[in-house]
């Protein structure tokens, strides 16, 4: 399937929630990479943003429903994988945030 074609769009998994809180949570400036821990049953969501050469490591807070500073994450997906982190695409990250919001309701 080629991106940008009807067939390509039909093969894209659906976003479960278009809640504004979910959309705000995945909105960010810079190059963003999302991770979760492979052994984490609660689905902790981590992200690494690189903006103008500066790296920001953040965790999504289940209590405050916002991004908070986190310990430094590995600088590459390969190193993250070696440490037990699983890379997530933006859609998977949004769905994880939607699940967090739904569990609070």
C-alpha atoms as a PDB file:
ATOM      1  CA  UNK A   1       0.000   0.000   0.000  1.00  0.00           C
ATOM      2  CA  UNK A   2       1.221   3.436  -0.852  1.00  0.00           C
ATOM      3  CA  UNK A   3       0.812   6.282   1.650  1.00  0.00           C
ATOM      4  CA  UNK A   4      -1.557   9.008   0.505  1.00  0.00           C
ATOM      5  CA  UNK A   5      -3.781   6.660  -1.499  1.00  0.00           C
ATOM      6  CA  UNK A   6      -7.272   5.508  -0.569  1.00  0.00           C
ATOM      7  CA  UNK A   7      -5.967   1.987  -0.025  1.00  0.00           C
ATOM      8  CA  UNK A   8      -3.232   3.357   2.234  1.00  0.00           C
ATOM      9  CA  UNK A   9      -5.749   5.327   4.316  1.00  0.00           C
ATOM     10  CA  UNK A  10      -8.080   2.350   4.627  1.00  0.00           C
ATOM     11  CA  UNK A  11      -5.203   0.308   6.055  1.00  0.00           C
ATOM     12  CA  UNK A  12      -4.588   2.846   8.860  1.00  0.00           C
ATOM     13  CA  UNK A  13      -5.875   1.718  12.264  1.00  0.00           C
ATOM     14  CA  UNK A  14      -8.626   3.892  13.679  1.00  0.00           C
ATOM     15  CA  UNK A  15      -8.014   6.297  16.531  1.00  0.00           C
ATOM     16  CA  UNK A  16     -10.339   5.204  19.324  1.00  0.00           C
ATOM     17  CA  UNK A  17     -10.904   8.650  20.744  1.00  0.00           C
ATOM     18  CA  UNK A  18     -10.945  12.128  19.319  1.00  0.00           C
ATOM     19  CA  UNK A  19     -11.351  13.611  22.809  1.00  0.00           C
ATOM     20  CA  UNK A  20      -9.691  17.022  22.984  1.00  0.00           C
ATOM     21  CA  UNK A  21      -7.633  15.924  26.016  1.00  0.00           C
ATOM     22  CA  UNK A  22      -6.186  13.049  23.982  1.00  0.00           C
ATOM     23  CA  UNK A  23      -5.424  15.279  21.025  1.00  0.00           C
ATOM     24  CA  UNK A  24      -3.813  17.883  23.310  1.00  0.00           C
ATOM     25  CA  UNK A  25      -1.696  15.192  24.969  1.00  0.00           C
ATOM     26  CA  UNK A  26      -0.204  13.969  21.687  1.00  0.00           C
ATOM     27  CA  UNK A  27       0.275  17.475  20.348  1.00  0.00           C
ATOM     28  CA  UNK A  28       3.819  18.712  20.804  1.00  0.00           C
ATOM     29  CA  UNK A  29       6.558  20.618  19.084  1.00  0.00           C
ATOM     30  CA  UNK A  30       9.727  18.998  17.829  1.00  0.00           C
ATOM     31  CA  UNK A  31      10.590  15.431  16.870  1.00  0.00           C
ATOM     32  CA  UNK A  32       8.673  13.191  19.269  1.00  0.00           C
ATOM     33  CA  UNK A  33       9.284   9.528  20.050  1.00  0.00           C
ATOM     34  CA  UNK A  34       6.908   7.595  22.327  1.00  0.00           C
ATOM     35  CA  UNK A  35       7.814   4.583  24.479  1.00  0.00           C
ATOM     36  CA  UNK A  36       6.303   2.313  27.083  1.00  0.00           C
ATOM     37  CA  UNK A  37       8.038  -0.260  29.254  1.00  0.00           C
ATOM     38  CA  UNK A  38       7.676  -3.784  27.866  1.00  0.00           C
ATOM     39  CA  UNK A  39       6.891  -5.184  31.329  1.00  0.00           C
ATOM     40  CA  UNK A  40       4.610  -2.349  32.472  1.00  0.00           C
ATOM     41  CA  UNK A  41       1.065  -3.635  33.021  1.00  0.00           C
ATOM     42  CA  UNK A  42      -0.243  -0.104  33.677  1.00  0.00           C
ATOM     43  CA  UNK A  43       0.930   1.205  30.324  1.00  0.00           C
ATOM     44  CA  UNK A  44       3.169   4.033  31.480  1.00  0.00           C
ATOM     45  CA  UNK A  45       3.694   6.373  28.548  1.00  0.00           C
ATOM     46  CA  UNK A  46       7.031   8.108  28.020  1.00  0.00           C
ATOM     47  CA  UNK A  47       8.044  10.508  25.306  1.00  0.00           C
ATOM     48  CA  UNK A  48      11.228  12.082  24.123  1.00  0.00           C
ATOM     49  CA  UNK A  49      10.970  15.438  22.365  1.00  0.00           C
ATOM     50  CA  UNK A  50      13.870  16.959  20.509  1.00  0.00           C
ATOM     51  CA  UNK A  51      13.343  20.638  19.818  1.00  0.00           C
ATOM     52  CA  UNK A  52      16.107  22.820  18.379  1.00  0.00           C
ATOM     53  CA  UNK A  53      18.706  20.221  19.378  1.00  0.00           C
ATOM     54  CA  UNK A  54      17.534  20.093  23.004  1.00  0.00           C
ATOM     55  CA  UNK A  55      16.171  16.802  24.380  1.00  0.00           C
ATOM     56  CA  UNK A  56      13.148  16.725  26.727  1.00  0.00           C
ATOM     57  CA  UNK A  57      12.169  13.457  28.449  1.00  0.00           C
ATOM     58  CA  UNK A  58       8.632  13.285  29.808  1.00  0.00           C
ATOM     59  CA  UNK A  59       6.177  10.832  31.346  1.00  0.00           C
ATOM     60  CA  UNK A  60       2.408  11.110  31.071  1.00  0.00           C
ATOM     61  CA  UNK A  61       1.031  11.548  34.584  1.00  0.00           C
ATOM     62  CA  UNK A  62      -2.078   9.469  35.293  1.00  0.00           C
ATOM     63  CA  UNK A  63      -2.928  11.730  38.242  1.00  0.00           C
ATOM     64  CA  UNK A  64      -2.562  15.123  36.617  1.00  0.00           C
ATOM     65  CA  UNK A  65      -3.197  13.948  33.051  1.00  0.00           C
ATOM     66  CA  UNK A  66      -0.263  15.975  31.806  1.00  0.00           C
ATOM     67  CA  UNK A  67       3.339  15.513  30.708  1.00  0.00           C
ATOM     68  CA  UNK A  68       5.927  15.797  33.491  1.00  0.00           C
ATOM     69  CA  UNK A  69       9.723  15.686  33.462  1.00  0.00           C
ATOM     70  CA  UNK A  70      11.159  12.172  33.514  1.00  0.00           C
ATOM     71  CA  UNK A  71      14.539  10.512  33.790  1.00  0.00           C
ATOM     72  CA  UNK A  72      16.602  10.642  30.601  1.00  0.00           C
ATOM     73  CA  UNK A  73      15.584   8.159  27.947  1.00  0.00           C
ATOM     74  CA  UNK A  74      18.054   6.466  25.604  1.00  0.00           C
ATOM     75  CA  UNK A  75      18.950   8.533  22.559  1.00  0.00           C
ATOM     76  CA  UNK A  76      18.116   5.813  20.029  1.00  0.00           C
ATOM     77  CA  UNK A  77      15.335   3.286  19.510  1.00  0.00           C
ATOM     78  CA  UNK A  78      17.892   0.468  19.547  1.00  0.00           C
ATOM     79  CA  UNK A  79      19.238   1.510  22.964  1.00  0.00           C
ATOM     80  CA  UNK A  80      15.695   1.952  24.281  1.00  0.00           C
ATOM     81  CA  UNK A  81      14.785  -1.548  23.130  1.00  0.00           C
ATOM     82  CA  UNK A  82      17.871  -2.991  24.817  1.00  0.00           C
ATOM     83  CA  UNK A  83      16.685  -1.405  28.095  1.00  0.00           C
ATOM     84  CA  UNK A  84      13.188  -2.896  27.805  1.00  0.00           C
ATOM     85  CA  UNK A  85      11.310   0.008  26.261  1.00  0.00           C
ATOM     86  CA  UNK A  86       8.866  -0.515  23.406  1.00  0.00           C
ATOM     87  CA  UNK A  87       8.554   2.154  20.707  1.00  0.00           C
ATOM     88  CA  UNK A  88       4.993   3.375  20.046  1.00  0.00           C
ATOM     89  CA  UNK A  89       3.692   5.318  17.095  1.00  0.00           C
ATOM     90  CA  UNK A  90       1.552   8.415  17.671  1.00  0.00           C
ATOM     91  CA  UNK A  91      -1.684   6.452  17.209  1.00  0.00           C
ATOM     92  CA  UNK A  92      -0.722   3.874  19.849  1.00  0.00           C
ATOM     93  CA  UNK A  93       0.280   6.669  22.239  1.00  0.00           C
ATOM     94  CA  UNK A  94      -3.061   8.430  21.688  1.00  0.00           C
ATOM     95  CA  UNK A  95      -4.953   5.188  22.335  1.00  0.00           C
ATOM     96  CA  UNK A  96      -2.992   4.613  25.556  1.00  0.00           C
ATOM     97  CA  UNK A  97      -3.898   8.132  26.724  1.00  0.00           C
ATOM     98  CA  UNK A  98      -7.547   7.512  25.779  1.00  0.00           C
ATOM     99  CA  UNK A  99      -7.524   4.325  27.880  1.00  0.00           C
ATOM    100  CA  UNK A 100      -6.101   6.304  30.818  1.00  0.00           C
ATOM    101  CA  UNK A 101      -8.849   8.891  30.489  1.00  0.00           C
ATOM    102  CA  UNK A 102     -11.552   6.213  30.212  1.00  0.00           C
ATOM    103  CA  UNK A 103     -10.284   4.409  33.320  1.00  0.00           C
ATOM    104  CA  UNK A 104     -10.621   7.642  35.315  1.00  0.00           C
ATOM    105  CA  UNK A 105     -14.267   8.105  34.334  1.00  0.00           C
END
